[in-house]
């Protein structure tokens, strides 16, 4: 094993030994090189005041070489903030501003030890880093039975982990904390579990209430007290889109420092929070450990980034940084929030109106981009096909009877027509007319 990797492992073992046990084989082996092209280039950037012949970019007239046909559409930006490589961990100013934003929006994290967020190539990349660092073949990854399908690719197909599910809702249509607890406690023989907490949930658009949040944290604490090392990951992709009386912050803050056997990891990003899906800017943050352990995990994270994508896109980071620093940012974001909330409220109003009879019910939703219908008289896939072929409507069939609707991309005045079409397609399939 490389001495740098060994040094990082020893640091974590000294300060947070249970977290050291959570690392995968790759997680133990990875490190960020201190002597190499990046470090020598960084030294040259500071000291080479005559010629700097280190980094692999081209320059012209003291600036990064670029094509005018590209720069003319980006004239508000200095070429040095667009064309050079970003550091593997991301632009330092962006990392600091995102950390400040996170602490304001998540007061329960105040006073907790958290790392400086590392920039990822959006949320999926952040989850992939978690998988690389902490998932080995046979490890349990615990998710509700209604979850984002990419989890299986990221943790099971890529790393050989076993997906363990529990029912998302309990008999009272609340988050099934007891199911989470039972799924965790069955991992006692393994001694380790990775828990993915995605709120608002994709696909059903549900965020637990405050008491439900306490129950989730309690279930994780109970598992830790039973001797299970828990990697607790909050997938906060849709953070901030809370439309009703639910948790208004991530559970990350409550999980930081919860127990020596609990590692809190927050994966979030500008992707959906700031409506910049194609920019691919996310973040991964660790919490609740010693400063030395947090630094070691940051270095392992940047090592994974260096070994896979080298660094994230610089222009996207520059665009996000400029937006976050603007005095117009909050007001503009608030306007978009109210548009999204209006769409969610309209959907709920339509579904509760009685207009659509007894063809379906719906899973509780209060946040995010999506909601799910539970079809009672037809299966979801033939309804999906009928909607596409006869009514020009795209939806997602999940399992046998669930149909996911992304109200986020439908203008509010068009929502009634959308659900009218869905209702007619359900009747068509029910009556054998599909």
Protein backbone atom coordinates (compact mmCIF):
# COMPACT_ATOMS: atom_id res chain seq x y z
CA UNK A 1 0.00 0.00 0.00
CA UNK A 2 1.24 3.48 -0.83
CA UNK A 3 2.71 5.21 2.25
CA UNK A 4 0.39 8.22 1.74
CA UNK A 5 -2.66 5.96 1.83
CA UNK A 6 -1.30 4.22 4.89
CA UNK A 7 -0.75 7.55 6.61
CA UNK A 8 -4.34 8.62 5.93
CA UNK A 9 -5.64 5.28 7.22
CA UNK A 10 -3.57 5.61 10.38
CA UNK A 11 -4.94 9.11 10.99
CA UNK A 12 -8.53 7.92 10.72
CA UNK A 13 -7.80 4.80 12.81
CA UNK A 14 -6.25 6.91 15.56
CA UNK A 15 -9.09 9.43 15.85
CA UNK A 16 -12.15 7.57 14.53
CA UNK A 17 -11.38 3.83 14.49
CA UNK A 18 -14.95 2.73 13.69
CA UNK A 19 -14.95 4.93 10.60
CA UNK A 20 -11.68 3.33 9.51
CA UNK A 21 -13.49 -0.02 9.62
CA UNK A 22 -16.12 1.35 7.22
CA UNK A 23 -13.66 2.00 4.39
CA UNK A 24 -13.77 -0.35 1.44
CA UNK A 25 -10.65 -1.96 0.06
CA UNK A 26 -10.44 0.81 -2.50
CA UNK A 27 -11.19 3.36 0.20
CA UNK A 28 -8.21 2.15 2.20
CA UNK A 29 -5.91 2.13 -0.82
CA UNK A 30 -6.78 5.51 -2.33
CA UNK A 31 -4.82 8.70 -1.63
CA UNK A 32 -4.17 12.09 -3.19
CA UNK A 33 -0.58 12.31 -4.50
CA UNK A 34 1.47 14.98 -2.76
CA UNK A 35 4.49 14.65 -5.04
CA UNK A 36 3.62 14.66 -8.72
CA UNK A 37 2.38 16.81 -11.56
CA UNK A 38 -0.30 18.61 -9.54
CA UNK A 39 1.89 19.45 -6.57
CA UNK A 40 4.84 20.53 -8.73
CA UNK A 41 2.55 22.64 -10.87
CA UNK A 42 1.08 24.29 -7.78
CA UNK A 43 4.58 25.10 -6.52
CA UNK A 44 5.54 26.50 -9.91
CA UNK A 45 2.41 28.66 -10.00
CA UNK A 46 3.64 30.39 -6.86
CA UNK A 47 7.35 30.67 -7.65
CA UNK A 48 7.94 30.46 -11.40
CA UNK A 49 7.96 34.18 -12.20
CA UNK A 50 9.85 33.88 -15.50
CA UNK A 51 8.38 30.84 -17.28
CA UNK A 52 5.97 28.22 -15.99
CA UNK A 53 6.35 25.13 -18.17
CA UNK A 54 4.47 22.69 -15.96
CA UNK A 55 0.75 22.42 -16.50
CA UNK A 56 -0.79 20.93 -19.64
CA UNK A 57 -2.64 23.93 -21.01
CA UNK A 58 -1.76 26.37 -23.78
CA UNK A 59 -1.41 30.10 -23.15
CA UNK A 60 -1.39 33.19 -25.32
CA UNK A 61 -0.70 36.78 -24.29
CA UNK A 62 -0.57 35.74 -20.64
CA UNK A 63 -4.00 34.09 -20.64
CA UNK A 64 -5.31 30.60 -21.36
CA UNK A 65 -5.48 30.12 -25.13
CA UNK A 66 -9.07 30.05 -26.37
CA UNK A 67 -11.21 30.38 -29.46
CA UNK A 68 -13.06 33.65 -29.94
CA UNK A 69 -16.09 31.77 -31.24
CA UNK A 70 -16.45 30.34 -27.72
CA UNK A 71 -15.28 33.34 -25.67
CA UNK A 72 -17.62 35.76 -27.45
CA UNK A 73 -20.58 34.02 -25.79
CA UNK A 74 -18.84 34.17 -22.40
CA UNK A 75 -17.51 37.70 -22.46
CA UNK A 76 -18.63 38.40 -18.88
CA UNK A 77 -15.97 35.97 -17.62
CA UNK A 78 -12.20 36.15 -17.43
CA UNK A 79 -10.63 33.32 -19.47
CA UNK A 80 -8.69 32.20 -16.39
CA UNK A 81 -12.01 31.32 -14.72
CA UNK A 82 -13.14 29.19 -17.65
CA UNK A 83 -10.36 27.42 -19.51
CA UNK A 84 -7.82 26.38 -16.91
CA UNK A 85 -8.26 23.13 -15.01
CA UNK A 86 -10.18 23.49 -11.76
CA UNK A 87 -8.46 21.89 -8.74
CA UNK A 88 -9.52 18.25 -8.14
CA UNK A 89 -11.43 19.34 -5.03
CA UNK A 90 -13.08 22.25 -6.82
CA UNK A 91 -12.67 26.02 -6.75
CA UNK A 92 -11.74 26.94 -3.15
CA UNK A 93 -14.01 30.00 -3.01
CA UNK A 94 -16.99 27.95 -4.25
CA UNK A 95 -16.32 25.27 -1.61
CA UNK A 96 -16.26 27.84 1.17
CA UNK A 97 -19.38 29.66 -0.01
CA UNK A 98 -21.28 26.37 -0.34
CA UNK A 99 -20.25 25.43 3.21
CA UNK A 100 -21.52 28.77 4.53
CA UNK A 101 -24.79 28.31 2.64
CA UNK A 102 -25.18 24.78 4.00
CA UNK A 103 -24.71 25.92 7.61
CA UNK A 104 -27.29 28.70 7.21
CA UNK A 105 -29.85 26.33 5.69
CA UNK A 106 -29.14 23.49 8.16
CA UNK A 107 -29.00 25.02 11.64
CA UNK A 108 -28.70 21.60 13.29
CA UNK A 109 -25.23 21.35 11.73
CA UNK A 110 -24.08 24.53 13.51
CA UNK A 111 -21.25 23.85 15.91
CA UNK A 112 -20.63 20.39 14.46
CA UNK A 113 -17.32 19.46 12.89
CA UNK A 114 -17.84 19.18 9.15
CA UNK A 115 -15.41 19.01 6.27
CA UNK A 116 -15.06 21.57 3.54
CA UNK A 117 -17.37 20.36 0.74
CA UNK A 118 -15.55 18.75 -2.17
CA UNK A 119 -16.92 19.57 -5.62
CA UNK A 120 -18.25 16.60 -7.56
CA UNK A 121 -19.55 16.19 -11.09
CA UNK A 122 -23.11 16.47 -9.69
CA UNK A 123 -25.01 14.09 -7.40
CA UNK A 124 -24.45 10.78 -9.14
CA UNK A 125 -20.71 11.33 -9.03
CA UNK A 126 -20.92 12.14 -5.31
CA UNK A 127 -22.79 8.90 -4.65
CA UNK A 128 -20.28 7.03 -6.80
CA UNK A 129 -17.48 8.39 -4.59
CA UNK A 130 -19.33 7.16 -1.50
CA UNK A 131 -19.67 3.77 -3.16
CA UNK A 132 -15.98 3.60 -4.05
CA UNK A 133 -14.81 4.66 -0.61
CA UNK A 134 -17.19 2.60 1.53
CA UNK A 135 -18.85 -0.23 -0.42
CA UNK A 136 -17.29 -3.66 -0.83
CA UNK A 137 -18.83 -6.76 -2.36
CA UNK A 138 -21.49 -8.11 -0.02
CA UNK A 139 -21.95 -4.91 2.00
CA UNK A 140 -25.57 -3.98 2.70
CA UNK A 141 -26.99 -0.79 1.15
CA UNK A 142 -30.32 0.01 2.79
CA UNK A 143 -32.94 1.91 0.80
CA UNK A 144 -36.76 2.11 0.83
CA UNK A 145 -38.60 -0.06 -1.69
CA UNK A 146 -39.41 3.06 -3.71
CA UNK A 147 -36.05 4.53 -4.65
CA UNK A 148 -33.98 5.98 -7.47
CA UNK A 149 -32.96 3.15 -9.79
CA UNK A 150 -29.42 4.53 -10.18
CA UNK A 151 -28.62 3.43 -6.62
CA UNK A 152 -28.49 -0.17 -7.80
CA UNK A 153 -26.11 0.65 -10.65
CA UNK A 154 -23.90 2.76 -8.40
CA UNK A 155 -23.64 0.48 -5.39
CA UNK A 156 -24.62 -3.01 -6.52
CA UNK A 157 -23.54 -3.32 -10.15
CA UNK A 158 -20.36 -1.25 -9.82
CA UNK A 159 -19.23 -2.36 -6.36
CA UNK A 160 -21.05 -5.64 -5.68
CA UNK A 161 -22.98 -4.40 -2.65
CA UNK A 162 -26.34 -5.98 -1.75
CA UNK A 163 -29.44 -3.77 -1.94
CA UNK A 164 -31.64 -4.27 1.15
CA UNK A 165 -35.10 -2.70 0.99
CA UNK A 166 -37.92 -1.94 3.40
CA UNK A 167 -41.41 -0.48 2.73
CA UNK A 168 -41.20 3.30 2.38
CA UNK A 169 -44.53 4.07 4.07
CA UNK A 170 -46.02 2.49 7.18
CA UNK A 171 -49.72 1.68 7.73
CA UNK A 172 -50.38 5.33 8.60
CA UNK A 173 -48.71 6.61 5.42
CA UNK A 174 -45.78 7.99 7.41
CA UNK A 175 -42.13 7.25 6.78
CA UNK A 176 -41.51 3.68 7.88
CA UNK A 177 -38.86 4.25 10.55
CA UNK A 178 -39.58 0.85 12.09
CA UNK A 179 -38.87 -0.78 8.73
CA UNK A 180 -35.58 1.11 8.47
CA UNK A 181 -34.68 0.05 12.01
CA UNK A 182 -35.42 -3.62 11.30
CA UNK A 183 -33.43 -3.54 8.04
CA UNK A 184 -30.49 -2.05 9.93
CA UNK A 185 -30.58 -4.47 12.83
CA UNK A 186 -30.57 -7.46 10.50
CA UNK A 187 -27.07 -6.39 9.47
CA UNK A 188 -25.59 -7.16 12.88
CA UNK A 189 -23.72 -10.19 11.58
CA UNK A 190 -22.21 -8.12 8.78
CA UNK A 191 -21.36 -5.39 11.26
CA UNK A 192 -21.79 -2.67 8.66
CA UNK A 193 -24.52 -0.95 6.67
CA UNK A 194 -24.74 1.92 4.21
CA UNK A 195 -28.02 3.83 4.58
CA UNK A 196 -29.27 6.13 1.82
CA UNK A 197 -31.69 8.84 2.97
CA UNK A 198 -33.10 10.71 -0.02
CA UNK A 199 -35.45 13.54 1.01
CA UNK A 200 -37.45 14.74 -0.86
CA UNK A 201 -37.72 11.20 -2.16
CA UNK A 202 -37.41 10.35 -5.81
CA UNK A 203 -39.89 8.96 -6.95
CA UNK A 204 -42.71 9.87 -4.54
CA UNK A 205 -41.83 13.42 -3.52
CA UNK A 206 -42.07 12.81 0.23
CA UNK A 207 -40.12 14.41 3.06
CA UNK A 208 -40.67 13.14 6.63
CA UNK A 209 -41.94 15.41 9.36
CA UNK A 210 -39.86 16.53 12.33
CA UNK A 211 -40.96 13.64 14.56
CA UNK A 212 -40.37 11.15 11.75
CA UNK A 213 -36.89 12.63 11.40
CA UNK A 214 -36.21 11.96 15.06
CA UNK A 215 -37.36 8.38 14.59
CA UNK A 216 -34.97 7.91 11.65
CA UNK A 217 -32.06 9.24 13.67
CA UNK A 218 -33.08 7.06 16.61
CA UNK A 219 -33.12 3.96 14.37
CA UNK A 220 -29.60 4.71 13.17
CA UNK A 221 -28.41 5.33 16.74
CA UNK A 222 -29.93 2.04 17.86
CA UNK A 223 -28.11 0.18 15.09
CA UNK A 224 -24.82 1.81 16.10
CA UNK A 225 -25.39 0.90 19.74
CA UNK A 226 -25.96 -2.68 18.60
CA UNK A 227 -22.44 -2.72 17.16
CA UNK A 228 -23.20 -1.92 13.50
CA UNK A 229 -21.02 0.58 11.67
CA UNK A 230 -23.40 2.85 9.75
CA UNK A 231 -22.43 4.97 6.77
CA UNK A 232 -25.37 7.39 6.81
CA UNK A 233 -25.69 9.21 3.48
CA UNK A 234 -28.15 12.05 2.96
CA UNK A 235 -28.89 12.35 -0.75
CA UNK A 236 -30.16 15.93 -0.73
CA UNK A 237 -30.64 16.28 -4.47
CA UNK A 238 -33.93 18.17 -4.14
CA UNK A 239 -33.01 20.08 -1.00
CA UNK A 240 -35.06 23.19 -0.23
CA UNK A 241 -38.17 22.22 -2.20
CA UNK A 242 -40.26 21.67 0.95
CA UNK A 243 -43.83 22.74 0.23
CA UNK A 244 -45.66 21.71 3.42
CA UNK A 245 -45.08 21.00 7.10
CA UNK A 246 -42.10 18.66 6.88
CA UNK A 247 -38.45 18.69 7.82
CA UNK A 248 -37.01 21.89 6.43
CA UNK A 249 -33.38 20.81 6.59
CA UNK A 250 -31.21 17.79 5.94
CA UNK A 251 -30.82 15.07 8.57
CA UNK A 252 -27.07 15.44 8.05
CA UNK A 253 -26.77 17.87 10.97
CA UNK A 254 -28.49 15.49 13.42
CA UNK A 255 -26.35 12.60 12.21
CA UNK A 256 -23.04 14.43 12.69
CA UNK A 257 -21.43 13.14 15.87
CA UNK A 258 -24.41 10.91 16.67
CA UNK A 259 -22.24 7.93 17.61
CA UNK A 260 -18.70 6.73 17.03
CA UNK A 261 -20.10 4.07 14.70
CA UNK A 262 -22.01 6.58 12.54
CA UNK A 263 -20.37 8.44 9.68
CA UNK A 264 -22.54 11.27 8.31
CA UNK A 265 -22.09 12.11 4.62
CA UNK A 266 -24.03 14.82 2.79
CA UNK A 267 -24.31 14.63 -0.99
CA UNK A 268 -25.97 17.65 -2.56
CA UNK A 269 -25.48 20.14 -5.33
CA UNK A 270 -26.52 23.06 -7.43
CA UNK A 271 -27.93 20.68 -10.05
CA UNK A 272 -31.55 20.82 -8.90
CA UNK A 273 -31.35 23.31 -6.04
CA UNK A 274 -30.31 26.10 -8.40
CA UNK A 275 -32.04 24.74 -11.54
CA UNK A 276 -28.79 24.08 -13.45
CA UNK A 277 -29.14 20.40 -14.31
CA UNK A 278 -26.67 20.40 -17.19
CA UNK A 279 -23.96 22.24 -15.26
CA UNK A 280 -23.14 19.07 -13.28
CA UNK A 281 -21.93 20.70 -10.06
CA UNK A 282 -22.42 18.77 -6.82
CA UNK A 283 -20.73 18.49 -3.44
CA UNK A 284 -19.81 15.83 -0.89
CA UNK A 285 -19.34 16.75 2.77
CA UNK A 286 -18.35 14.63 5.78
CA UNK A 287 -19.35 15.34 9.38
CA UNK A 288 -18.93 14.45 13.01
CA UNK A 289 -15.29 13.31 13.05
CA UNK A 290 -12.01 14.81 14.21
CA UNK A 291 -10.55 17.54 12.05
CA UNK A 292 -7.70 15.19 11.10
CA UNK A 293 -10.11 12.43 10.03
CA UNK A 294 -12.22 14.87 8.04
CA UNK A 295 -9.09 16.08 6.27
CA UNK A 296 -8.06 12.50 5.54
CA UNK A 297 -11.45 11.72 4.00
CA UNK A 298 -11.23 14.90 1.91
CA UNK A 299 -7.86 13.73 0.60
CA UNK A 300 -9.20 10.27 -0.20
CA UNK A 301 -12.14 11.89 -1.98
CA UNK A 302 -9.90 14.08 -4.12
CA UNK A 303 -7.81 10.98 -4.80
CA UNK A 304 -10.89 9.24 -6.22
CA UNK A 305 -11.66 12.32 -8.31
CA UNK A 306 -8.07 12.51 -9.57
CA UNK A 307 -8.20 8.83 -10.51
CA UNK A 308 -11.50 9.04 -12.39
CA UNK A 309 -12.36 12.45 -13.87
CA UNK A 310 -9.23 14.39 -12.75
CA UNK A 311 -11.35 17.44 -11.89
CA UNK A 312 -14.81 18.83 -12.47
CA UNK A 313 -15.69 21.36 -15.19
CA UNK A 314 -14.31 24.80 -14.41
CA UNK A 315 -16.88 26.96 -16.27
CA UNK A 316 -19.83 25.44 -14.41
CA UNK A 317 -18.17 26.11 -11.06
CA UNK A 318 -17.49 29.70 -12.07
CA UNK A 319 -21.11 30.22 -13.13
CA UNK A 320 -22.45 28.82 -9.85
CA UNK A 321 -20.00 30.85 -7.78
CA UNK A 322 -21.04 34.06 -9.51
CA UNK A 323 -24.72 33.28 -8.91
CA UNK A 324 -24.22 32.50 -5.21
CA UNK A 325 -22.40 35.81 -4.72
CA UNK A 326 -25.08 37.85 -6.48
CA UNK A 327 -27.47 39.99 -4.43
CA UNK A 328 -30.23 38.86 -6.84
CA UNK A 329 -29.77 35.17 -6.14
CA UNK A 330 -32.14 34.65 -3.21
CA UNK A 331 -35.02 36.64 -4.69
CA UNK A 332 -34.81 34.81 -8.02
CA UNK A 333 -34.60 31.43 -6.32
CA UNK A 334 -37.61 32.27 -4.14
CA UNK A 335 -39.67 33.05 -7.22
CA UNK A 336 -38.87 29.66 -8.73
CA UNK A 337 -39.71 27.96 -5.45
CA UNK A 338 -43.21 29.45 -5.46
CA UNK A 339 -43.77 28.29 -9.03
CA UNK A 340 -42.84 24.75 -8.01
CA UNK A 341 -44.96 24.92 -4.88
CA UNK A 342 -47.93 26.15 -6.92
CA UNK A 343 -47.63 23.15 -9.22
CA UNK A 344 -47.46 20.70 -6.32
CA UNK A 345 -50.47 22.28 -4.63
CA UNK A 346 -52.45 22.21 -7.86
CA UNK A 347 -51.73 18.49 -8.32
CA UNK A 348 -52.91 17.75 -4.81
CA UNK A 349 -56.04 19.86 -5.33
CA UNK A 350 -56.87 17.93 -8.50
CA UNK A 351 -56.27 14.54 -6.93
CA UNK A 352 -58.40 15.41 -3.89
CA UNK A 353 -61.26 16.84 -5.96
CA UNK A 354 -62.97 13.47 -6.57
CA UNK A 355 -62.91 14.11 -10.30
CA UNK A 356 -61.04 10.91 -11.10
CA UNK A 357 -63.24 8.45 -9.27
CA UNK A 358 -61.67 5.35 -7.78
CA UNK A 359 -59.18 4.51 -10.50
CA UNK A 360 -56.21 5.39 -8.35
CA UNK A 361 -54.92 6.67 -5.07
CA UNK A 362 -51.64 8.48 -4.54
CA UNK A 363 -48.67 8.15 -2.24
CA UNK A 364 -48.15 11.02 0.21
CA UNK A 365 -46.07 13.84 -1.29
CA UNK A 366 -45.12 17.25 0.04
CA UNK A 367 -41.87 18.27 -1.68
CA UNK A 368 -39.51 17.88 -4.60
CA UNK A 369 -40.23 17.29 -8.29
CA UNK A 370 -42.40 14.17 -8.34
CA UNK A 371 -45.44 12.32 -7.10
CA UNK A 372 -46.63 8.76 -7.66
CA UNK A 373 -50.07 7.41 -8.48
CA UNK A 374 -51.00 3.95 -7.23
CA UNK A 375 -53.24 2.55 -9.95
CA UNK A 376 -56.09 0.44 -8.53
CA UNK A 377 -57.77 -0.89 -11.68
CA UNK A 378 -54.93 -1.13 -14.22
CA UNK A 379 -51.25 -1.95 -14.38
CA UNK A 380 -48.80 0.90 -14.89
CA UNK A 381 -46.91 -0.25 -17.98
CA UNK A 382 -49.93 -0.59 -20.31
CA UNK A 383 -51.17 2.78 -19.04
CA UNK A 384 -47.78 4.31 -19.77
CA UNK A 385 -47.85 2.86 -23.29
CA UNK A 386 -51.41 4.07 -23.87
CA UNK A 387 -50.49 7.57 -22.71
CA UNK A 388 -47.58 7.70 -25.13
CA UNK A 389 -49.30 6.23 -28.15
CA UNK A 390 -52.77 7.74 -27.87
CA UNK A 391 -52.40 10.91 -25.80
CA UNK A 392 -48.83 12.13 -26.34
CA UNK A 393 -47.99 12.01 -22.64
CA UNK A 394 -44.81 10.63 -21.10
CA UNK A 395 -44.80 9.14 -17.60
CA UNK A 396 -42.69 6.56 -15.73
CA UNK A 397 -44.07 3.13 -14.80
CA UNK A 398 -42.54 1.77 -11.59
CA UNK A 399 -43.24 -1.76 -10.47
CA UNK A 400 -46.66 -3.18 -11.25
CA UNK A 401 -49.04 -0.36 -10.33
CA UNK A 402 -47.07 2.83 -9.66
CA UNK A 403 -46.95 5.69 -12.17
CA UNK A 404 -44.51 8.53 -11.50
CA UNK A 405 -45.51 12.04 -12.59
CA UNK A 406 -42.95 14.85 -12.74
CA UNK A 407 -45.10 17.90 -12.07
CA UNK A 408 -41.91 19.95 -12.03
CA UNK A 409 -41.89 20.13 -15.84
CA UNK A 410 -45.60 20.85 -16.41
CA UNK A 411 -46.92 24.41 -16.35
CA UNK A 412 -49.62 24.86 -13.69
CA UNK A 413 -52.44 25.70 -16.18
CA UNK A 414 -51.73 22.42 -18.01
CA UNK A 415 -51.85 20.10 -15.00
CA UNK A 416 -55.58 19.43 -15.17
CA UNK A 417 -55.35 18.45 -18.82
CA UNK A 418 -52.42 16.16 -17.95
CA UNK A 419 -54.37 14.28 -15.30
CA UNK A 420 -57.48 14.18 -17.48
CA UNK A 421 -55.40 12.38 -20.12
CA UNK A 422 -53.92 10.02 -17.55
CA UNK A 423 -57.41 9.23 -16.27
CA UNK A 424 -58.71 8.52 -19.77
CA UNK A 425 -55.74 6.23 -20.49
CA UNK A 426 -56.44 4.31 -17.28
CA UNK A 427 -60.08 3.88 -18.31
CA UNK A 428 -58.98 2.74 -21.77
CA UNK A 429 -56.75 0.04 -20.34
CA UNK A 430 -59.35 -0.99 -17.77
CA UNK A 431 -61.99 -1.38 -20.46
CA UNK A 432 -59.72 -3.22 -22.86
CA UNK A 433 -59.53 -0.38 -25.36
CA UNK A 434 -55.77 0.09 -25.24
